[in-house]
Protein backbone atom coordinates (compact mmCIF):
# COMPACT_ATOMS: atom_id res chain seq x y z
CA UNK A 1 5.30 30.96 14.28
CA UNK A 2 8.38 31.56 15.06
CA UNK A 3 10.89 34.46 14.59
CA UNK A 4 14.88 35.19 13.47
CA UNK A 5 17.00 37.85 13.47
CA UNK A 6 18.82 38.05 11.28
CA UNK A 7 21.63 41.40 10.31
CA UNK A 8 19.24 43.65 12.42
CA UNK A 9 16.19 42.20 10.39
CA UNK A 10 13.01 39.76 11.61
CA UNK A 11 12.70 37.28 9.24
CA UNK A 12 8.65 35.51 10.15
CA UNK A 13 8.55 32.49 9.53
CA UNK A 14 5.57 30.41 9.04
CA UNK A 15 5.42 27.03 9.78
CA UNK A 16 2.43 24.94 8.21
CA UNK A 17 1.62 21.60 9.53
CA UNK A 18 0.49 19.25 6.50
CA UNK A 19 0.21 15.28 5.93
CA UNK A 20 3.11 13.93 3.74
CA UNK A 21 3.67 10.35 2.84
CA UNK A 22 7.01 9.01 2.75
CA UNK A 23 7.23 7.00 0.05
CA UNK A 24 10.57 4.63 -0.75
CA UNK A 25 12.84 5.92 -3.62
CA UNK A 26 10.97 4.53 -6.44
CA UNK A 27 7.81 4.45 -5.11
CA UNK A 28 5.87 5.90 -7.46
CA UNK A 29 1.45 6.95 -6.59
CA UNK A 30 0.27 5.02 -9.73
CA UNK A 31 -1.45 1.56 -11.09
CA UNK A 32 -3.78 1.23 -8.74
CA UNK A 33 -7.66 2.85 -8.41
CA UNK A 34 -10.17 3.11 -5.46
CA UNK A 35 -13.73 2.54 -6.36
CA UNK A 36 -16.48 1.41 -4.58
CA UNK A 37 -15.22 1.42 -1.50
CA UNK A 38 -12.54 -1.22 -2.53
CA UNK A 39 -8.99 -0.52 -3.47
CA UNK A 40 -7.91 -2.22 -7.99
CA UNK A 41 -4.60 -2.92 -8.35
CA UNK A 42 -2.28 -4.17 -11.37
CA UNK A 43 -4.28 -1.33 -13.80
CA UNK A 44 -2.35 -3.42 -16.59
CA UNK A 45 -1.92 -6.88 -15.40
CA UNK A 46 1.75 -6.55 -16.10
CA UNK A 47 4.46 -8.18 -13.08
CA UNK A 48 4.00 -5.41 -10.62
CA UNK A 49 4.85 -4.60 -6.79
CA UNK A 50 2.97 -2.39 -4.51
CA UNK A 51 3.24 -1.14 -1.41
CA UNK A 52 0.74 -0.67 0.85
CA UNK A 53 0.45 1.05 4.15
CA UNK A 54 -2.09 1.71 7.38
CA UNK A 55 -2.62 5.30 7.46
CA UNK A 56 -5.21 4.71 9.98
CA UNK A 57 -4.90 4.31 14.01
CA UNK A 58 -7.27 0.86 13.63
CA UNK A 59 -6.23 -2.24 12.41
CA UNK A 60 -7.38 -3.77 8.97
CA UNK A 61 -7.93 -6.63 6.86
CA UNK A 62 -7.20 -6.92 3.62
CA UNK A 63 -9.02 -9.60 2.00
CA UNK A 64 -9.33 -10.32 -2.05
CA UNK A 65 -12.39 -9.90 -3.57
CA UNK A 66 -12.97 -12.37 -7.11
CA UNK A 67 -15.34 -9.76 -9.15
CA UNK A 68 -14.29 -11.12 -12.43
CA UNK A 69 -17.19 -13.84 -13.53
CA UNK A 70 -15.43 -16.08 -15.87
CA UNK A 71 -12.76 -17.09 -12.98
CA UNK A 72 -13.41 -20.59 -11.85
CA UNK A 73 -10.93 -20.17 -9.42
CA UNK A 74 -9.26 -17.63 -7.18
CA UNK A 75 -6.45 -17.45 -4.88
CA UNK A 76 -7.88 -16.56 -1.29
CA UNK A 77 -5.48 -13.62 -0.36
CA UNK A 78 -6.19 -11.90 3.30
CA UNK A 79 -3.87 -9.99 4.81
CA UNK A 80 -4.12 -7.98 8.94
CA UNK A 81 -2.06 -4.55 8.47
CA UNK A 82 -2.18 -2.98 12.66
CA UNK A 83 -2.30 0.64 12.57
CA UNK A 84 1.41 2.21 10.93
CA UNK A 85 2.42 -0.56 9.29
CA UNK A 86 3.76 -1.98 5.70
CA UNK A 87 2.39 -4.67 3.56
CA UNK A 88 4.40 -5.68 -0.39
CA UNK A 89 1.44 -6.98 -2.84
CA UNK A 90 3.23 -8.95 -6.31
CA UNK A 91 0.99 -9.21 -8.77
CA UNK A 92 0.04 -10.22 -12.34
CA UNK A 93 -3.79 -10.19 -12.20
CA UNK A 94 -4.86 -7.09 -14.52
CA UNK A 95 -7.43 -4.78 -12.29
CA UNK A 96 -7.10 -7.51 -9.06
CA UNK A 97 -9.88 -6.20 -6.09
CA UNK A 98 -9.37 -5.62 -3.10
CA UNK A 99 -11.72 -5.04 0.20
CA UNK A 100 -11.02 -3.53 3.02
CA UNK A 101 -12.56 -4.68 6.75
CA UNK A 102 -12.50 -3.74 10.51
CA UNK A 103 -13.33 -5.64 13.50
CA UNK A 104 -15.70 -3.77 15.61
CA UNK A 105 -16.02 -3.52 19.56
CA UNK A 106 -18.45 -6.05 18.87
CA UNK A 107 -16.67 -8.70 16.77
CA UNK A 108 -18.49 -7.82 13.57
CA UNK A 109 -16.56 -7.70 10.25
CA UNK A 110 -17.69 -4.22 9.04
CA UNK A 111 -16.26 -3.68 4.88
CA UNK A 112 -15.05 -0.11 5.82
CA UNK A 113 -13.64 2.36 2.45
CA UNK A 114 -10.48 1.31 1.79
CA UNK A 115 -9.91 4.84 0.79
CA UNK A 116 -9.78 5.75 4.10
CA UNK A 117 -7.62 3.76 5.45
CA UNK A 118 -4.87 2.80 2.59
CA UNK A 119 -1.83 4.54 1.23
CA UNK A 120 -0.94 2.38 -1.73
CA UNK A 121 2.05 3.12 -4.48
CA UNK A 122 3.39 1.16 -7.21
CA UNK A 123 7.45 0.39 -7.95
CA UNK A 124 6.31 -0.35 -11.72
CA UNK A 125 10.06 -1.53 -12.90
CA UNK A 126 10.78 -3.56 -10.44
CA UNK A 127 12.12 -6.23 -11.67
CA UNK A 128 11.23 -10.68 -10.47
CA UNK A 129 13.17 -13.55 -10.78
CA UNK A 130 11.29 -16.23 -12.67
CA UNK A 131 10.55 -18.18 -9.32
CA UNK A 132 8.91 -14.95 -7.63
CA UNK A 133 6.06 -13.88 -9.93
CA UNK A 134 2.69 -13.76 -10.12
CA UNK A 135 0.23 -12.99 -7.33
CA UNK A 136 1.03 -13.21 -3.87
CA UNK A 137 2.03 -10.97 -0.42
CA UNK A 138 5.39 -10.66 -0.63
CA UNK A 139 5.41 -9.17 3.55
CA UNK A 140 2.30 -8.10 5.46
CA UNK A 141 1.84 -6.18 8.39
CA UNK A 142 5.94 -5.05 9.47
CA UNK A 143 7.75 -1.23 10.00
CA UNK A 144 8.48 0.17 6.09
CA UNK A 145 12.00 -0.83 6.38
CA UNK A 146 11.37 -4.23 7.00
CA UNK A 147 8.67 -4.41 3.97
CA UNK A 148 11.59 -3.17 1.65
CA UNK A 149 14.16 -5.63 2.53
CA UNK A 150 11.75 -8.75 2.22
CA UNK A 151 11.29 -7.35 -1.23
CA UNK A 152 14.93 -7.83 -1.90
CA UNK A 153 15.72 -11.13 0.09
CA UNK A 154 13.45 -12.60 -1.55
CA UNK A 155 15.26 -11.44 -5.16
CA UNK A 156 13.10 -8.75 -6.19
CA UNK A 157 14.66 -5.66 -7.57
CA UNK A 158 13.04 -2.37 -6.94
CA UNK A 159 14.82 -0.24 -9.89
CA UNK A 160 13.97 3.34 -10.12
């Protein structure tokens, strides 16, 4: 508690600690879900950009897992995401699944619940040049400012 004296009155100021995620301007909590311990991106299949942050103090791995039975070939998209770091992901595939895993002290890879490790937001109005459309990692495992800067350098307009 903090006390401040103001013109012969004592004002009591209460301080509460809460966890607040600071997303970049224009990035919204939309277009994704956590299902069956996985992160499912792009609920509508339109070209879009997602920002992902590892909100834990443990390094994780994100890897695409193809769950659609009618797909003959699917890209293996994998990325490491260190504690508190960010990545940007472009997607034009609806319901794109990413599973999260960690490596335990014995070197064994364990699948974990993505909702416990990853914070996500979407730029629903991002505009992509024709040459940068598709599903791929735009920038991985960096500070937020670097990820935003690399997205812009690739011609992606982060419109809000």
